[in-house]
Protein backbone atom coordinates (compact mmCIF):
# COMPACT_ATOMS: atom_id res chain seq x y z
CA MET A 1 -13.51 -9.92 -13.76
CA HIS A 2 -13.57 -6.17 -13.82
CA LYS A 3 -10.38 -4.19 -13.12
CA ILE A 4 -11.14 -0.98 -11.15
CA LYS A 5 -8.39 1.51 -10.80
CA THR A 6 -7.94 3.32 -7.36
CA LYS A 7 -5.43 5.63 -5.87
CA LEU A 8 -3.36 4.06 -3.34
CA GLY A 9 -1.47 6.25 -0.62
CA VAL A 10 2.20 5.52 -0.71
CA ILE A 11 4.57 6.99 1.89
CA PHE A 12 8.22 7.67 0.79
CA PHE A 13 10.94 8.03 3.24
CA LYS A 14 14.66 7.76 3.39
CA GLU A 15 16.40 5.26 5.64
CA GLY A 16 20.13 5.76 5.48
CA LYS A 17 21.02 5.68 1.71
CA LYS A 18 17.86 3.76 0.67
CA PHE A 19 14.48 5.18 -0.26
CA ILE A 20 11.62 3.30 1.36
CA ALA A 21 8.20 3.12 -0.31
CA TYR A 22 5.31 1.99 2.21
CA SER A 23 1.56 1.70 1.72
CA PRO A 24 -0.38 1.45 4.92
CA ALA A 25 -3.47 0.44 2.81
CA LEU A 26 -1.80 -2.86 1.90
CA ASP A 27 0.90 -3.04 4.59
CA LEU A 28 3.35 -3.36 1.75
CA SER A 29 6.81 -1.92 1.42
CA THR A 30 9.82 -2.00 -0.73
CA TYR A 31 12.89 0.16 -1.34
CA GLY A 32 15.32 1.34 -3.80
CA ASN A 33 18.68 3.20 -4.25
CA THR A 34 16.72 6.15 -5.53
CA PHE A 35 13.32 7.61 -5.15
CA ALA A 36 12.39 6.69 -8.83
CA GLN A 37 13.67 3.22 -8.26
CA ALA A 38 11.72 2.81 -5.00
CA LYS A 39 8.54 4.07 -6.85
CA LYS A 40 9.00 1.65 -9.85
CA ARG A 41 9.66 -1.34 -7.26
CA PHE A 42 6.63 -0.41 -5.27
CA ALA A 43 4.37 -0.67 -8.44
CA GLU A 44 6.11 -4.04 -9.36
CA ALA A 45 5.49 -5.18 -5.65
CA VAL A 46 1.85 -4.28 -5.86
CA ASP A 47 1.42 -6.16 -9.01
CA VAL A 48 3.00 -9.27 -7.57
CA PHE A 49 1.10 -8.96 -4.30
CA LEU A 50 -2.27 -8.79 -6.08
CA GLU A 51 -1.35 -11.73 -8.56
CA GLU A 52 -0.43 -13.80 -5.61
CA THR A 53 -3.41 -13.07 -3.37
CA ILE A 54 -5.80 -13.72 -6.32
CA LYS A 55 -4.06 -16.88 -7.26
CA MET A 56 -4.43 -17.96 -3.45
CA GLY A 57 -7.92 -16.88 -3.27
CA THR A 58 -7.20 -14.57 -0.32
CA LEU A 59 -7.61 -11.12 -1.94
CA GLU A 60 -10.80 -10.31 -0.31
CA ASP A 61 -9.70 -11.34 3.07
CA VAL A 62 -6.48 -9.41 2.80
CA LEU A 63 -8.13 -6.26 1.70
CA LYS A 64 -10.53 -6.43 4.47
CA ASP A 65 -8.01 -7.07 7.14
CA CYS A 66 -6.29 -3.97 5.60
CA GLY A 67 -9.35 -1.85 6.09
CA TRP A 68 -10.52 -1.75 2.60
CA GLN A 69 -14.35 -1.36 2.00
CA LYS A 70 -16.42 -2.96 -0.90
CA VAL A 71 -18.82 -0.50 -2.40
CA SER A 72 -21.36 -1.10 -4.98
CA TYR A 73 -21.61 2.35 -6.78
CA PRO A 74 -21.25 2.85 -9.77
CA GLN A 75 -20.14 -0.80 -9.88
CA LYS A 76 -18.87 -3.12 -7.24
CA HIS A 77 -15.15 -2.42 -6.35
CA TRP A 78 -12.95 -1.99 -3.50
CA VAL A 79 -11.89 1.29 -1.78
CA PRO A 80 -8.68 1.61 0.33
CA PRO A 81 -8.66 3.38 3.54
CA THR A 82 -7.72 7.14 3.22
CA ILE A 83 -4.71 8.51 4.69
CA VAL A 84 -5.98 11.75 6.45
CA GLY A 85 -2.81 13.20 7.74
CA GLN A 86 0.60 12.73 8.92
CA THR A 87 2.17 14.34 11.94
CA GLU A 88 5.16 13.90 14.23
CA GLN A 89 4.73 12.92 17.74
CA GLU A 90 7.36 13.18 20.37
CA VAL A 91 8.07 9.85 22.25
CA LYS A 92 10.86 9.00 24.75
CA ILE A 93 13.12 6.12 23.94
CA PRO A 94 15.47 4.95 26.66
CA ALA A 95 19.10 5.52 25.80
């Protein structure tokens, strides 16, 4: 099996005193007490996520469900969906 490196979009935000790391491309999140800890834990979570889905034989299905595409050039590999922007939208929440 070839390992292909790809760049994964990760969104970091603060919730209370915790830093949250979330990637829509894998629908995966984790947190830390600091930004650096959240970043480190996210990298660890991705490793565990990939190991487990490979072990269960579900990696391809999970990636497809998350919007990834398999391309064949220059060699076969998976490409994550691209975050094209982020905006704020006003919503009304009942009090």
